[in-house]
Amino acid sequence: MAKGYWIGRVDVHDDEGYKPYAAANPAIFRKYGGRFLVRGGTFECPEGQARSRNVVIEFPDYASALACYNSPEYQANIKVRQPHATGDIVVIEGYDGPQP
């Protein structure tokens, strides 16, 4: 079964205000089997437009990734983030087919 992922791109406008959001996320993600694959780190954007922070979170499957995003805990935490950051989050099913 294909895994599920969150791909997040974020610009934080207030680091102090953003900290409670970031601190609450690990417990929420853990509840749905999520784990960070990318959390910040050095990057280049050779095409398109970038945001200052990038995150990739892996879940056991797409349903778990979507359930986490739609959970009451995460929906409440979004309200903590919104005054302090602008971002894009994509919830996507991983590829489980043949590789080149």
C-alpha atoms as a PDB file:
ATOM      1  CA  MET A   1       0.000   0.000   0.000  1.00  0.00           C
ATOM      2  CA  ALA A   2       1.308   3.448  -0.890  1.00  0.00           C
ATOM      3  CA  LYS A   3       2.268   5.777   1.929  1.00  0.00           C
ATOM      4  CA  GLY A   4       0.758   9.221   2.387  1.00  0.00           C
ATOM      5  CA  TYR A   5       2.654  12.485   2.649  1.00  0.00           C
ATOM      6  CA  TRP A   6       2.265  16.079   3.615  1.00  0.00           C
ATOM      7  CA  ILE A   7       4.374  18.491   1.623  1.00  0.00           C
ATOM      8  CA  GLY A   8       4.521  21.839   3.359  1.00  0.00           C
ATOM      9  CA  ARG A   9       6.075  25.120   2.284  1.00  0.00           C
ATOM     10  CA  VAL A  10       5.946  27.936   4.826  1.00  0.00           C
ATOM     11  CA  ASP A  11       7.010  31.547   5.290  1.00  0.00           C
ATOM     12  CA  VAL A  12       7.100  32.424   8.997  1.00  0.00           C
ATOM     13  CA  HIS A  13       6.528  36.099   9.780  1.00  0.00           C
ATOM     14  CA  ASP A  14       6.769  35.834  13.586  1.00  0.00           C
ATOM     15  CA  ASP A  15       9.133  33.152  14.928  1.00  0.00           C
ATOM     16  CA  GLU A  16       8.016  33.498  18.553  1.00  0.00           C
ATOM     17  CA  GLY A  17       4.333  33.256  17.654  1.00  0.00           C
ATOM     18  CA  TYR A  18       5.010  30.222  15.454  1.00  0.00           C
ATOM     19  CA  LYS A  19       6.809  28.216  18.160  1.00  0.00           C
ATOM     20  CA  PRO A  20       3.643  26.908  19.928  1.00  0.00           C
ATOM     21  CA  TYR A  21       2.342  25.571  16.600  1.00  0.00           C
ATOM     22  CA  ALA A  22       5.610  23.763  15.862  1.00  0.00           C
ATOM     23  CA  ALA A  23       5.805  22.415  19.428  1.00  0.00           C
ATOM     24  CA  ALA A  24       2.289  20.904  19.269  1.00  0.00           C
ATOM     25  CA  ASN A  25       2.745  19.179  15.911  1.00  0.00           C
ATOM     26  CA  PRO A  26       4.922  16.159  16.842  1.00  0.00           C
ATOM     27  CA  ALA A  27       2.277  14.722  19.208  1.00  0.00           C
ATOM     28  CA  ILE A  28      -0.440  15.225  16.592  1.00  0.00           C
ATOM     29  CA  PHE A  29       1.615  13.623  13.835  1.00  0.00           C
ATOM     30  CA  ARG A  30       2.668  10.705  16.059  1.00  0.00           C
ATOM     31  CA  LYS A  31      -1.012   9.888  16.753  1.00  0.00           C
ATOM     32  CA  TYR A  32      -1.489   9.272  12.998  1.00  0.00           C
ATOM     33  CA  GLY A  33       1.830   7.517  12.416  1.00  0.00           C
ATOM     34  CA  GLY A  34       3.525  10.567  10.886  1.00  0.00           C
ATOM     35  CA  ARG A  35       7.254  11.135  10.853  1.00  0.00           C
ATOM     36  CA  PHE A  36       9.385  13.942   9.481  1.00  0.00           C
ATOM     37  CA  LEU A  37      11.444  13.156   6.378  1.00  0.00           C
ATOM     38  CA  VAL A  38      12.316  16.799   5.714  1.00  0.00           C
ATOM     39  CA  ARG A  39      12.104  19.544   8.324  1.00  0.00           C
ATOM     40  CA  GLY A  40      13.882  22.678   7.213  1.00  0.00           C
ATOM     41  CA  GLY A  41      17.369  22.176   5.922  1.00  0.00           C
ATOM     42  CA  THR A  42      19.425  23.769   3.201  1.00  0.00           C
ATOM     43  CA  PHE A  43      17.733  23.956  -0.181  1.00  0.00           C
ATOM     44  CA  GLU A  44      17.842  25.554  -3.595  1.00  0.00           C
ATOM     45  CA  CYS A  45      14.868  26.340  -5.795  1.00  0.00           C
ATOM     46  CA  PRO A  46      16.103  26.025  -9.394  1.00  0.00           C
ATOM     47  CA  GLU A  47      12.560  26.486 -10.773  1.00  0.00           C
ATOM     48  CA  GLY A  48       9.415  28.240  -9.588  1.00  0.00           C
ATOM     49  CA  GLN A  49       8.972  30.113  -6.343  1.00  0.00           C
ATOM     50  CA  ALA A  50      10.070  28.907  -2.930  1.00  0.00           C
ATOM     51  CA  ARG A  51       9.066  29.631   0.623  1.00  0.00           C
ATOM     52  CA  SER A  52      11.598  29.894   3.434  1.00  0.00           C
ATOM     53  CA  ARG A  53      10.790  26.541   5.103  1.00  0.00           C
ATOM     54  CA  ASN A  54      10.027  23.126   3.616  1.00  0.00           C
ATOM     55  CA  VAL A  55       8.627  20.046   5.353  1.00  0.00           C
ATOM     56  CA  VAL A  56       7.807  16.524   4.182  1.00  0.00           C
ATOM     57  CA  ILE A  57       5.961  14.250   6.611  1.00  0.00           C
ATOM     58  CA  GLU A  58       5.414  10.566   5.853  1.00  0.00           C
ATOM     59  CA  PHE A  59       2.321   8.667   7.039  1.00  0.00           C
ATOM     60  CA  PRO A  60       1.550   4.936   6.808  1.00  0.00           C
ATOM     61  CA  ASP A  61      -1.008   5.628   4.065  1.00  0.00           C
ATOM     62  CA  TYR A  62      -2.984   8.407   2.376  1.00  0.00           C
ATOM     63  CA  ALA A  63      -6.015   7.923   4.646  1.00  0.00           C
ATOM     64  CA  SER A  64      -3.854   8.512   7.747  1.00  0.00           C
ATOM     65  CA  ALA A  65      -2.286  11.622   6.226  1.00  0.00           C
ATOM     66  CA  LEU A  66      -5.708  13.049   5.410  1.00  0.00           C
ATOM     67  CA  ALA A  67      -7.157  12.050   8.792  1.00  0.00           C
ATOM     68  CA  CYS A  68      -4.305  13.856  10.545  1.00  0.00           C
ATOM     69  CA  TYR A  69      -4.895  17.047   8.570  1.00  0.00           C
ATOM     70  CA  ASN A  70      -8.641  16.914   9.240  1.00  0.00           C
ATOM     71  CA  SER A  71      -8.283  15.957  12.918  1.00  0.00           C
ATOM     72  CA  PRO A  72      -9.697  18.306  15.554  1.00  0.00           C
ATOM     73  CA  GLU A  73      -6.212  18.633  17.059  1.00  0.00           C
ATOM     74  CA  TYR A  74      -4.567  19.788  13.851  1.00  0.00           C
ATOM     75  CA  GLN A  75      -7.472  21.999  12.822  1.00  0.00           C
ATOM     76  CA  ALA A  76      -7.145  23.785  16.183  1.00  0.00           C
ATOM     77  CA  ASN A  77      -3.382  24.078  15.682  1.00  0.00           C
ATOM     78  CA  ILE A  78      -3.860  25.699  12.262  1.00  0.00           C
ATOM     79  CA  LYS A  79      -5.487  28.613  14.077  1.00  0.00           C
ATOM     80  CA  VAL A  80      -2.312  28.970  16.169  1.00  0.00           C
ATOM     81  CA  ARG A  81      -0.161  29.078  13.009  1.00  0.00           C
ATOM     82  CA  GLN A  82      -2.196  31.376  10.769  1.00  0.00           C
ATOM     83  CA  PRO A  83      -1.451  34.741  12.422  1.00  0.00           C
ATOM     84  CA  HIS A  84       2.290  34.008  12.277  1.00  0.00           C
ATOM     85  CA  ALA A  85       2.911  32.269   8.948  1.00  0.00           C
ATOM     86  CA  THR A  86       1.742  31.810   5.376  1.00  0.00           C
ATOM     87  CA  GLY A  87       1.985  28.384   3.867  1.00  0.00           C
ATOM     88  CA  ASP A  88       0.938  25.737   1.398  1.00  0.00           C
ATOM     89  CA  ILE A  89       0.241  22.144   2.411  1.00  0.00           C
ATOM     90  CA  VAL A  90      -0.401  19.315  -0.019  1.00  0.00           C
ATOM     91  CA  VAL A  91      -1.658  15.949   1.238  1.00  0.00           C
ATOM     92  CA  ILE A  92      -0.665  13.384  -1.380  1.00  0.00           C
ATOM     93  CA  GLU A  93      -0.594   9.652  -1.927  1.00  0.00           C
ATOM     94  CA  GLY A  94       2.849   8.198  -2.507  1.00  0.00           C
ATOM     95  CA  TYR A  95       3.865   6.220  -5.558  1.00  0.00           C
ATOM     96  CA  ASP A  96       3.954   2.454  -5.089  1.00  0.00           C
ATOM     97  CA  GLY A  97       4.589   1.314  -8.668  1.00  0.00           C
ATOM     98  CA  PRO A  98       7.613   0.127 -10.599  1.00  0.00           C
ATOM     99  CA  GLN A  99      10.752   2.216 -10.527  1.00  0.00           C
ATOM    100  CA  PRO A 100      13.083   2.960 -13.429  1.00  0.00           C
END
